[in-house]
Amino acid sequence: MKTVFSTEHIHPRERFAFWHDVARKDVVDHESTPVCRNTFHAELRAGSVGDIGLVSFQNSDMAVSHTRRHIAHANIDELFICRQSGGQIALEQDGRNVVLEAGDITLNDPALPYGARFSKGSEVLMLKIPRQLLKARLGKAREMTARAIKPGTTETGLLSATLAMLPQHTDD
């Protein structure tokens, strides 16, 4: 995967603002607030596997809000499958709350409002799946958002491990 953005060589007072602009453009439109702007750091990488976009991001602790105003600017032709690689995310969508830890997976719908709290050292792999592709296999996705898929069984462990390998197989 190609590094799209890193705060590594940006002055600390500018890091969050620059990252926020890139994340709103390359991931999804949202508002976010870091716990500490002066120590904020993040990295964003992107690639694809066929028709599926992959975005990997690492970031400091922060809160994120994706509201109806943001939905008007979002690509609602996609659904997000998120695999937590490090740290934690507490996600709320459609009245459900889930806390993701390393290896956990969830579905997120950018056509619906959501809120999230990222812990320090959070690392996420997001698959941007064409909505019609996933809908053809699973049906309506709304009841599946903000539900944790834990790698505790053979099947879910294999799913989590397979998703973790995808960045190594992205298109050039």
N, C-alpha and C. Protein backbone atom coordinates (compact mmCIF):
# COMPACT_ATOMS: atom_id res chain seq x y z
N MET A 1 0.86 -1.18 0.00
CA MET A 1 0.00 0.00 0.00
C MET A 1 0.89 1.23 0.00
N LYS A 2 0.41 2.25 -0.61
CA LYS A 2 1.17 3.48 -0.76
C LYS A 2 0.83 4.45 0.39
N THR A 3 1.86 5.07 0.96
CA THR A 3 1.61 6.08 1.99
C THR A 3 1.07 7.33 1.32
N VAL A 4 -0.13 7.73 1.71
CA VAL A 4 -0.80 8.91 1.17
C VAL A 4 -0.44 10.14 2.00
N PHE A 5 -0.29 9.92 3.32
CA PHE A 5 -0.03 11.05 4.20
C PHE A 5 0.59 10.57 5.50
N SER A 6 1.51 11.36 6.02
CA SER A 6 2.10 11.12 7.33
C SER A 6 2.37 12.46 8.00
N THR A 7 2.19 12.50 9.30
CA THR A 7 2.47 13.73 10.04
C THR A 7 3.94 13.82 10.45
N GLU A 8 4.73 12.84 10.07
CA GLU A 8 6.11 12.73 10.55
C GLU A 8 6.94 13.99 10.34
N HIS A 9 6.85 14.62 9.19
CA HIS A 9 7.70 15.78 8.89
C HIS A 9 6.93 17.10 8.90
N ILE A 10 5.80 17.12 9.59
CA ILE A 10 4.97 18.33 9.66
C ILE A 10 5.10 18.92 11.06
N HIS A 11 5.16 20.23 11.12
CA HIS A 11 5.27 20.91 12.41
C HIS A 11 4.08 20.50 13.29
N PRO A 12 4.33 20.23 14.59
CA PRO A 12 3.26 19.77 15.49
C PRO A 12 1.99 20.62 15.48
N ARG A 13 2.10 21.92 15.34
CA ARG A 13 0.88 22.75 15.38
C ARG A 13 0.03 22.59 14.12
N GLU A 14 0.61 22.04 13.03
CA GLU A 14 -0.12 21.88 11.77
C GLU A 14 -0.56 20.44 11.51
N ARG A 15 -0.05 19.48 12.28
CA ARG A 15 -0.27 18.07 12.00
C ARG A 15 -1.75 17.68 11.90
N PHE A 16 -2.51 18.04 12.93
CA PHE A 16 -3.90 17.61 12.94
C PHE A 16 -4.69 18.23 11.78
N ALA A 17 -4.53 19.50 11.53
CA ALA A 17 -5.29 20.17 10.47
C ALA A 17 -4.98 19.55 9.10
N PHE A 18 -3.71 19.28 8.84
CA PHE A 18 -3.35 18.66 7.57
C PHE A 18 -3.93 17.26 7.46
N TRP A 19 -3.77 16.48 8.54
CA TRP A 19 -4.30 15.12 8.52
C TRP A 19 -5.81 15.14 8.34
N HIS A 20 -6.50 16.01 9.04
CA HIS A 20 -7.97 16.07 8.97
C HIS A 20 -8.43 16.34 7.55
N ASP A 21 -7.76 17.25 6.85
CA ASP A 21 -8.12 17.54 5.46
C ASP A 21 -7.95 16.31 4.57
N VAL A 22 -6.85 15.60 4.73
CA VAL A 22 -6.59 14.40 3.92
C VAL A 22 -7.58 13.30 4.25
N ALA A 23 -7.83 13.07 5.53
CA ALA A 23 -8.76 12.01 5.94
C ALA A 23 -10.18 12.29 5.45
N ARG A 24 -10.60 13.54 5.47
CA ARG A 24 -11.94 13.88 4.99
C ARG A 24 -12.06 13.62 3.50
N LYS A 25 -10.98 13.82 2.77
CA LYS A 25 -11.00 13.61 1.32
C LYS A 25 -10.83 12.13 0.96
N ASP A 26 -9.88 11.44 1.58
CA ASP A 26 -9.52 10.08 1.18
C ASP A 26 -10.24 8.96 1.93
N VAL A 27 -10.82 9.26 3.09
CA VAL A 27 -11.52 8.22 3.84
C VAL A 27 -13.02 8.51 3.77
N VAL A 28 -13.49 9.49 4.53
CA VAL A 28 -14.90 9.88 4.51
C VAL A 28 -15.00 11.26 5.17
N ASP A 29 -15.95 12.07 4.71
CA ASP A 29 -16.15 13.39 5.30
C ASP A 29 -16.62 13.24 6.74
N HIS A 30 -16.04 14.01 7.64
CA HIS A 30 -16.36 13.90 9.06
C HIS A 30 -15.79 15.11 9.80
N GLU A 31 -16.10 15.20 11.06
CA GLU A 31 -15.45 16.14 11.98
C GLU A 31 -14.72 15.31 13.01
N SER A 32 -13.58 15.77 13.43
CA SER A 32 -12.87 15.06 14.49
C SER A 32 -12.15 16.03 15.39
N THR A 33 -11.93 15.57 16.61
CA THR A 33 -11.26 16.36 17.63
C THR A 33 -10.21 15.49 18.31
N PRO A 34 -8.94 15.89 18.22
CA PRO A 34 -7.91 15.10 18.88
C PRO A 34 -7.90 15.37 20.38
N VAL A 35 -7.43 14.41 21.14
CA VAL A 35 -7.27 14.62 22.58
C VAL A 35 -6.22 15.69 22.82
N CYS A 36 -5.14 15.68 22.03
CA CYS A 36 -4.09 16.69 22.16
C CYS A 36 -3.53 17.04 20.78
N ARG A 37 -3.79 18.26 20.32
CA ARG A 37 -3.30 18.70 19.01
C ARG A 37 -1.77 18.73 18.95
N ASN A 38 -1.12 19.08 20.05
CA ASN A 38 0.33 19.25 20.05
C ASN A 38 1.10 17.95 19.90
N THR A 39 0.48 16.83 20.30
CA THR A 39 1.17 15.54 20.19
C THR A 39 0.53 14.62 19.16
N PHE A 40 -0.42 15.15 18.40
CA PHE A 40 -1.13 14.34 17.42
C PHE A 40 -0.17 13.82 16.34
N HIS A 41 -0.36 12.56 15.98
CA HIS A 41 0.37 11.98 14.85
C HIS A 41 -0.55 11.00 14.14
N ALA A 42 -0.31 10.83 12.83
CA ALA A 42 -1.14 9.91 12.05
C ALA A 42 -0.42 9.54 10.76
N GLU A 43 -0.85 8.43 10.19
CA GLU A 43 -0.37 7.99 8.89
C GLU A 43 -1.54 7.36 8.16
N LEU A 44 -1.61 7.61 6.87
CA LEU A 44 -2.69 7.09 6.04
C LEU A 44 -2.07 6.43 4.81
N ARG A 45 -2.44 5.16 4.58
CA ARG A 45 -1.95 4.44 3.40
C ARG A 45 -3.16 3.94 2.62
N ALA A 46 -3.00 3.79 1.30
CA ALA A 46 -4.12 3.36 0.47
C ALA A 46 -3.66 2.42 -0.64
N GLY A 47 -4.57 1.61 -1.11
CA GLY A 47 -4.34 0.70 -2.22
C GLY A 47 -5.66 0.08 -2.62
N SER A 48 -5.61 -0.93 -3.46
CA SER A 48 -6.84 -1.61 -3.85
C SER A 48 -6.54 -3.06 -4.19
N VAL A 49 -7.57 -3.86 -4.07
CA VAL A 49 -7.55 -5.25 -4.51
C VAL A 49 -8.77 -5.39 -5.39
N GLY A 50 -8.57 -5.39 -6.70
CA GLY A 50 -9.69 -5.39 -7.63
C GLY A 50 -10.54 -4.15 -7.44
N ASP A 51 -11.85 -4.35 -7.22
CA ASP A 51 -12.78 -3.23 -7.05
C ASP A 51 -12.87 -2.74 -5.60
N ILE A 52 -12.09 -3.35 -4.72
CA ILE A 52 -12.17 -3.02 -3.30
C ILE A 52 -11.02 -2.09 -2.93
N GLY A 53 -11.38 -0.91 -2.44
CA GLY A 53 -10.38 0.04 -1.97
C GLY A 53 -9.95 -0.32 -0.56
N LEU A 54 -8.67 -0.16 -0.28
CA LEU A 54 -8.13 -0.40 1.06
C LEU A 54 -7.53 0.89 1.58
N VAL A 55 -7.84 1.21 2.81
CA VAL A 55 -7.25 2.36 3.49
C VAL A 55 -6.79 1.87 4.85
N SER A 56 -5.55 2.16 5.17
CA SER A 56 -5.01 1.80 6.48
C SER A 56 -4.61 3.10 7.16
N PHE A 57 -5.04 3.27 8.38
CA PHE A 57 -4.64 4.48 9.09
C PHE A 57 -4.29 4.19 10.53
N GLN A 58 -3.27 4.90 10.98
CA GLN A 58 -2.82 4.88 12.36
C GLN A 58 -2.99 6.30 12.86
N ASN A 59 -3.46 6.46 14.08
CA ASN A 59 -3.65 7.81 14.58
C ASN A 59 -3.62 7.86 16.10
N SER A 60 -3.41 9.06 16.59
CA SER A 60 -3.51 9.33 18.02
C SER A 60 -4.97 9.28 18.45
N ASP A 61 -5.19 9.35 19.75
CA ASP A 61 -6.55 9.31 20.27
C ASP A 61 -7.33 10.55 19.86
N MET A 62 -8.59 10.30 19.47
CA MET A 62 -9.46 11.39 19.01
C MET A 62 -10.90 10.90 18.96
N ALA A 63 -11.80 11.85 18.80
CA ALA A 63 -13.23 11.57 18.61
C ALA A 63 -13.61 11.98 17.19
N VAL A 64 -14.49 11.19 16.58
CA VAL A 64 -14.94 11.43 15.20
C VAL A 64 -16.46 11.46 15.17
N SER A 65 -17.00 12.34 14.34
CA SER A 65 -18.44 12.43 14.17
C SER A 65 -18.75 12.53 12.67
N HIS A 66 -19.60 11.64 12.19
CA HIS A 66 -20.06 11.63 10.79
C HIS A 66 -21.56 11.87 10.85
N THR A 67 -21.97 13.08 10.50
CA THR A 67 -23.36 13.50 10.66
C THR A 67 -24.10 13.54 9.32
N ARG A 68 -25.37 13.86 9.39
CA ARG A 68 -26.18 13.97 8.16
C ARG A 68 -25.58 14.99 7.19
N ARG A 69 -24.98 16.04 7.72
CA ARG A 69 -24.32 17.04 6.86
C ARG A 69 -23.17 16.40 6.09
N HIS A 70 -22.43 15.51 6.73
CA HIS A 70 -21.31 14.83 6.06
C HIS A 70 -21.80 13.80 5.06
N ILE A 71 -22.92 13.18 5.36
CA ILE A 71 -23.48 12.15 4.48
C ILE A 71 -23.77 12.74 3.10
N ALA A 72 -24.18 14.00 3.07
CA ALA A 72 -24.46 14.65 1.79
C ALA A 72 -23.23 14.68 0.89
N HIS A 73 -22.03 14.59 1.46
CA HIS A 73 -20.79 14.63 0.69
C HIS A 73 -20.10 13.28 0.62
N ALA A 74 -20.70 12.25 1.21
CA ALA A 74 -20.06 10.93 1.27
C ALA A 74 -20.40 10.10 0.04
N ASN A 75 -19.53 9.16 -0.26
CA ASN A 75 -19.79 8.19 -1.31
C ASN A 75 -20.63 7.08 -0.69
N ILE A 76 -21.93 7.16 -0.87
CA ILE A 76 -22.81 6.17 -0.25
C ILE A 76 -22.95 4.91 -1.10
N ASP A 77 -22.16 4.82 -2.18
CA ASP A 77 -22.13 3.61 -2.98
C ASP A 77 -21.18 2.58 -2.39
N GLU A 78 -20.58 2.91 -1.23
CA GLU A 78 -19.63 2.01 -0.58
C GLU A 78 -20.09 1.69 0.84
N LEU A 79 -19.67 0.54 1.32
CA LEU A 79 -19.78 0.17 2.72
C LEU A 79 -18.37 -0.08 3.22
N PHE A 80 -18.14 0.13 4.51
CA PHE A 80 -16.80 -0.04 5.07
C PHE A 80 -16.74 -1.27 5.96
N ILE A 81 -15.83 -2.16 5.66
CA ILE A 81 -15.50 -3.26 6.57
C ILE A 81 -14.23 -2.81 7.27
N CYS A 82 -14.27 -2.72 8.59
CA CYS A 82 -13.14 -2.22 9.36
C CYS A 82 -12.56 -3.34 10.22
N ARG A 83 -11.25 -3.51 10.14
CA ARG A 83 -10.54 -4.48 10.98
C ARG A 83 -9.57 -3.70 11.86
N GLN A 84 -9.76 -3.82 13.14
CA GLN A 84 -8.89 -3.15 14.10
C GLN A 84 -7.58 -3.93 14.20
N SER A 85 -6.45 -3.23 14.00
CA SER A 85 -5.14 -3.89 14.07
C SER A 85 -4.41 -3.58 15.36
N GLY A 86 -4.67 -2.41 15.94
CA GLY A 86 -4.03 -2.02 17.18
C GLY A 86 -4.87 -0.99 17.91
N GLY A 87 -4.67 -0.87 19.21
CA GLY A 87 -5.47 0.06 20.00
C GLY A 87 -6.93 -0.36 20.01
N GLN A 88 -7.81 0.62 20.24
CA GLN A 88 -9.25 0.35 20.28
C GLN A 88 -10.01 1.46 19.58
N ILE A 89 -11.21 1.11 19.14
CA ILE A 89 -12.19 2.09 18.65
C ILE A 89 -13.52 1.75 19.32
N ALA A 90 -14.16 2.77 19.87
CA ALA A 90 -15.54 2.64 20.34
C ALA A 90 -16.40 3.30 19.27
N LEU A 91 -17.29 2.53 18.64
CA LEU A 91 -18.10 3.00 17.52
C LEU A 91 -19.57 2.93 17.88
N GLU A 92 -20.32 3.97 17.49
CA GLU A 92 -21.77 3.98 17.68
C GLU A 92 -22.39 4.28 16.33
N GLN A 93 -23.32 3.41 15.91
CA GLN A 93 -24.07 3.64 14.68
C GLN A 93 -25.42 2.96 14.78
N ASP A 94 -26.44 3.69 14.37
CA ASP A 94 -27.80 3.17 14.31
C ASP A 94 -28.26 2.61 15.66
N GLY A 95 -27.87 3.29 16.75
CA GLY A 95 -28.31 2.90 18.08
C GLY A 95 -27.52 1.76 18.71
N ARG A 96 -26.51 1.26 18.01
CA ARG A 96 -25.68 0.18 18.54
C ARG A 96 -24.29 0.70 18.87
N ASN A 97 -23.69 0.14 19.91
CA ASN A 97 -22.34 0.51 20.33
C ASN A 97 -21.47 -0.73 20.30
N VAL A 98 -20.24 -0.56 19.83
CA VAL A 98 -19.30 -1.66 19.77
C VAL A 98 -17.90 -1.12 20.09
N VAL A 99 -17.11 -1.92 20.78
CA VAL A 99 -15.71 -1.59 21.03
C VAL A 99 -14.87 -2.62 20.31
N LEU A 100 -14.04 -2.15 19.40
CA LEU A 100 -13.18 -3.03 18.62
C LEU A 100 -11.78 -3.05 19.21
N GLU A 101 -11.24 -4.25 19.34
CA GLU A 101 -9.86 -4.45 19.78
C GLU A 101 -9.12 -5.16 18.66
N ALA A 102 -7.83 -5.34 18.80
CA ALA A 102 -7.01 -5.94 17.74
C ALA A 102 -7.63 -7.25 17.25
N GLY A 103 -7.80 -7.33 15.94
CA GLY A 103 -8.36 -8.53 15.30
C GLY A 103 -9.85 -8.47 15.08
N ASP A 104 -10.56 -7.57 15.77
CA ASP A 104 -12.01 -7.45 15.63
C ASP A 104 -12.38 -6.77 14.32
N ILE A 105 -13.56 -7.11 13.81
CA ILE A 105 -14.06 -6.58 12.54
C ILE A 105 -15.47 -6.05 12.77
N THR A 106 -15.82 -5.01 12.02
CA THR A 106 -17.20 -4.53 12.03
C THR A 106 -17.54 -3.94 10.67
N LEU A 107 -18.82 -3.73 10.45
CA LEU A 107 -19.32 -3.08 9.24
C LEU A 107 -19.79 -1.68 9.61
N ASN A 108 -19.42 -0.71 8.77
CA ASN A 108 -19.80 0.68 8.99
C ASN A 108 -20.42 1.20 7.70
N ASP A 109 -21.53 1.90 7.81
CA ASP A 109 -22.24 2.41 6.65
C ASP A 109 -22.13 3.94 6.61
N PRO A 110 -21.38 4.50 5.62
CA PRO A 110 -21.23 5.95 5.55
C PRO A 110 -22.50 6.68 5.12
N ALA A 111 -23.57 5.93 4.79
CA ALA A 111 -24.85 6.55 4.47
C ALA A 111 -25.67 6.82 5.73
N LEU A 112 -25.13 6.41 6.89
CA LEU A 112 -25.79 6.63 8.18
C LEU A 112 -24.85 7.39 9.10
N PRO A 113 -25.39 8.22 9.99
CA PRO A 113 -24.54 8.92 10.96
C PRO A 113 -23.84 7.93 11.89
N TYR A 114 -22.67 8.31 12.37
CA TYR A 114 -21.97 7.51 13.37
C TYR A 114 -21.01 8.38 14.15
N GLY A 115 -20.59 7.86 15.27
CA GLY A 115 -19.58 8.50 16.09
C GLY A 115 -18.56 7.46 16.50
N ALA A 116 -17.32 7.90 16.73
CA ALA A 116 -16.28 6.96 17.12
C ALA A 116 -15.27 7.65 18.01
N ARG A 117 -14.66 6.87 18.90
CA ARG A 117 -13.56 7.33 19.73
C ARG A 117 -12.39 6.38 19.51
N PHE A 118 -11.31 6.94 19.00
CA PHE A 118 -10.10 6.17 18.73
C PHE A 118 -9.17 6.29 19.93
N SER A 119 -8.60 5.17 20.35
CA SER A 119 -7.64 5.20 21.45
C SER A 119 -6.26 5.58 20.91
N LYS A 120 -5.37 5.87 21.83
CA LYS A 120 -3.97 6.12 21.48
C LYS A 120 -3.44 4.87 20.78
N GLY A 121 -2.70 5.08 19.70
CA GLY A 121 -2.12 3.95 18.98
C GLY A 121 -3.12 3.15 18.16
N SER A 122 -4.25 3.75 17.85
CA SER A 122 -5.26 3.06 17.06
C SER A 122 -4.72 2.80 15.66
N GLU A 123 -5.00 1.63 15.16
CA GLU A 123 -4.60 1.25 13.80
C GLU A 123 -5.74 0.46 13.19
N VAL A 124 -6.22 0.91 12.01
CA VAL A 124 -7.40 0.32 11.38
C VAL A 124 -7.12 0.03 9.91
N LEU A 125 -7.62 -1.10 9.44
CA LEU A 125 -7.66 -1.39 8.02
C LEU A 125 -9.11 -1.30 7.60
N MET A 126 -9.39 -0.46 6.61
CA MET A 126 -10.76 -0.26 6.13
C MET A 126 -10.84 -0.73 4.68
N LEU A 127 -11.80 -1.60 4.42
CA LEU A 127 -12.09 -2.02 3.06
C LEU A 127 -13.30 -1.23 2.60
N LYS A 128 -13.17 -0.57 1.46
CA LYS A 128 -14.27 0.17 0.87
C LYS A 128 -14.90 -0.74 -0.19
N ILE A 129 -16.00 -1.37 0.21
CA ILE A 129 -16.66 -2.37 -0.63
C ILE A 129 -17.81 -1.72 -1.40
N PRO A 130 -17.89 -1.93 -2.71
CA PRO A 130 -19.06 -1.42 -3.43
C PRO A 130 -20.34 -1.97 -2.78
N ARG A 131 -21.26 -1.08 -2.46
CA ARG A 131 -22.49 -1.44 -1.75
C ARG A 131 -23.24 -2.57 -2.46
N GLN A 132 -23.37 -2.48 -3.76
CA GLN A 132 -24.12 -3.50 -4.50
C GLN A 132 -23.45 -4.86 -4.42
N LEU A 133 -22.13 -4.89 -4.39
CA LEU A 133 -21.39 -6.15 -4.28
C LEU A 133 -21.68 -6.84 -2.96
N LEU A 134 -21.64 -6.08 -1.86
CA LEU A 134 -21.90 -6.67 -0.55
C LEU A 134 -23.39 -6.99 -0.37
N LYS A 135 -24.24 -6.10 -0.87
CA LYS A 135 -25.68 -6.32 -0.75
C LYS A 135 -26.12 -7.59 -1.49
N ALA A 136 -25.48 -7.88 -2.63
CA ALA A 136 -25.82 -9.07 -3.39
C ALA A 136 -25.51 -10.35 -2.61
N ARG A 137 -24.52 -10.28 -1.71
CA ARG A 137 -24.13 -11.46 -0.95
C ARG A 137 -24.80 -11.55 0.43
N LEU A 138 -25.08 -10.39 1.02
CA LEU A 138 -25.58 -10.40 2.40
C LEU A 138 -27.00 -9.85 2.55
N GLY A 139 -27.51 -9.19 1.55
CA GLY A 139 -28.81 -8.54 1.70
C GLY A 139 -28.63 -7.16 2.34
N LYS A 140 -29.64 -6.72 3.07
CA LYS A 140 -29.58 -5.41 3.70
C LYS A 140 -28.48 -5.37 4.76
N ALA A 141 -27.68 -4.33 4.71
CA ALA A 141 -26.54 -4.21 5.62
C ALA A 141 -26.88 -3.48 6.92
N ARG A 142 -27.97 -2.76 6.96
CA ARG A 142 -28.25 -1.88 8.09
C ARG A 142 -28.24 -2.61 9.44
N GLU A 143 -28.77 -3.80 9.49
CA GLU A 143 -28.82 -4.54 10.75
C GLU A 143 -27.47 -5.13 11.15
N MET A 144 -26.49 -5.02 10.26
CA MET A 144 -25.17 -5.59 10.54
C MET A 144 -24.14 -4.55 10.97
N THR A 145 -24.49 -3.28 10.91
CA THR A 145 -23.52 -2.25 11.27
C THR A 145 -23.28 -2.23 12.78
N ALA A 146 -22.09 -1.79 13.15
CA ALA A 146 -21.70 -1.63 14.56
C ALA A 146 -21.95 -2.90 15.38
N ARG A 147 -21.55 -4.02 14.83
CA ARG A 147 -21.58 -5.31 15.53
C ARG A 147 -20.18 -5.90 15.41
N ALA A 148 -19.63 -6.34 16.51
CA ALA A 148 -18.27 -6.86 16.50
C ALA A 148 -18.24 -8.31 16.01
N ILE A 149 -17.30 -8.57 15.12
CA ILE A 149 -16.97 -9.93 14.73
C ILE A 149 -15.62 -10.20 15.37
N LYS A 150 -15.62 -11.00 16.40
CA LYS A 150 -14.41 -11.31 17.16
C LYS A 150 -13.72 -12.53 16.56
N PRO A 151 -12.39 -12.57 16.54
CA PRO A 151 -11.69 -13.71 15.95
C PRO A 151 -11.61 -14.92 16.88
N GLY A 152 -12.71 -15.24 17.56
CA GLY A 152 -12.71 -16.29 18.57
C GLY A 152 -13.02 -17.69 18.05
N THR A 153 -13.56 -17.79 16.84
CA THR A 153 -13.83 -19.11 16.27
C THR A 153 -12.89 -19.33 15.09
N THR A 154 -12.85 -20.54 14.58
CA THR A 154 -11.99 -20.83 13.43
C THR A 154 -12.36 -19.95 12.25
N GLU A 155 -13.65 -19.83 11.96
CA GLU A 155 -14.10 -19.07 10.80
C GLU A 155 -13.80 -17.58 10.95
N THR A 156 -14.13 -17.00 12.10
CA THR A 156 -13.91 -15.57 12.28
C THR A 156 -12.43 -15.25 12.44
N GLY A 157 -11.67 -16.16 13.02
CA GLY A 157 -10.22 -15.98 13.10
C GLY A 157 -9.58 -16.00 11.73
N LEU A 158 -10.04 -16.90 10.86
CA LEU A 158 -9.54 -16.96 9.49
C LEU A 158 -9.90 -15.70 8.72
N LEU A 159 -11.13 -15.23 8.91
CA LEU A 159 -11.55 -13.99 8.25
C LEU A 159 -10.66 -12.83 8.68
N SER A 160 -10.44 -12.68 9.96
CA SER A 160 -9.60 -11.59 10.47
C SER A 160 -8.17 -11.70 9.92
N ALA A 161 -7.61 -12.88 9.92
CA ALA A 161 -6.25 -13.08 9.42
C ALA A 161 -6.15 -12.80 7.92
N THR A 162 -7.18 -13.19 7.18
CA THR A 162 -7.19 -12.94 5.74
C THR A 162 -7.26 -11.44 5.45
N LEU A 163 -8.11 -10.73 6.17
CA LEU A 163 -8.19 -9.28 5.98
C LEU A 163 -6.87 -8.62 6.31
N ALA A 164 -6.19 -9.08 7.34
CA ALA A 164 -4.90 -8.50 7.74
C ALA A 164 -3.85 -8.67 6.66
N MET A 165 -3.97 -9.71 5.82
CA MET A 165 -2.99 -9.95 4.75
C MET A 165 -3.25 -9.13 3.49
N LEU A 166 -4.44 -8.59 3.33
CA LEU A 166 -4.78 -7.89 2.10
C LEU A 166 -3.81 -6.76 1.72
N PRO A 167 -3.33 -5.94 2.65
CA PRO A 167 -2.42 -4.86 2.23
C PRO A 167 -1.17 -5.36 1.50
N GLN A 168 -0.77 -6.58 1.73
CA GLN A 168 0.40 -7.14 1.05
C GLN A 168 0.09 -7.53 -0.39
N HIS A 169 -1.19 -7.50 -0.78
CA HIS A 169 -1.59 -7.95 -2.10
C HIS A 169 -2.32 -6.86 -2.89
N THR A 170 -2.03 -5.61 -2.62
CA THR A 170 -2.72 -4.52 -3.32
C THR A 170 -2.17 -4.35 -4.72
N ASP A 171 -3.02 -3.80 -5.59
CA ASP A 171 -2.63 -3.49 -6.95
C ASP A 171 -1.58 -2.39 -6.96
N ASP A 172 -0.68 -2.43 -7.89
CA ASP A 172 0.31 -1.35 -8.03
C ASP A 172 -0.31 -0.16 -8.72
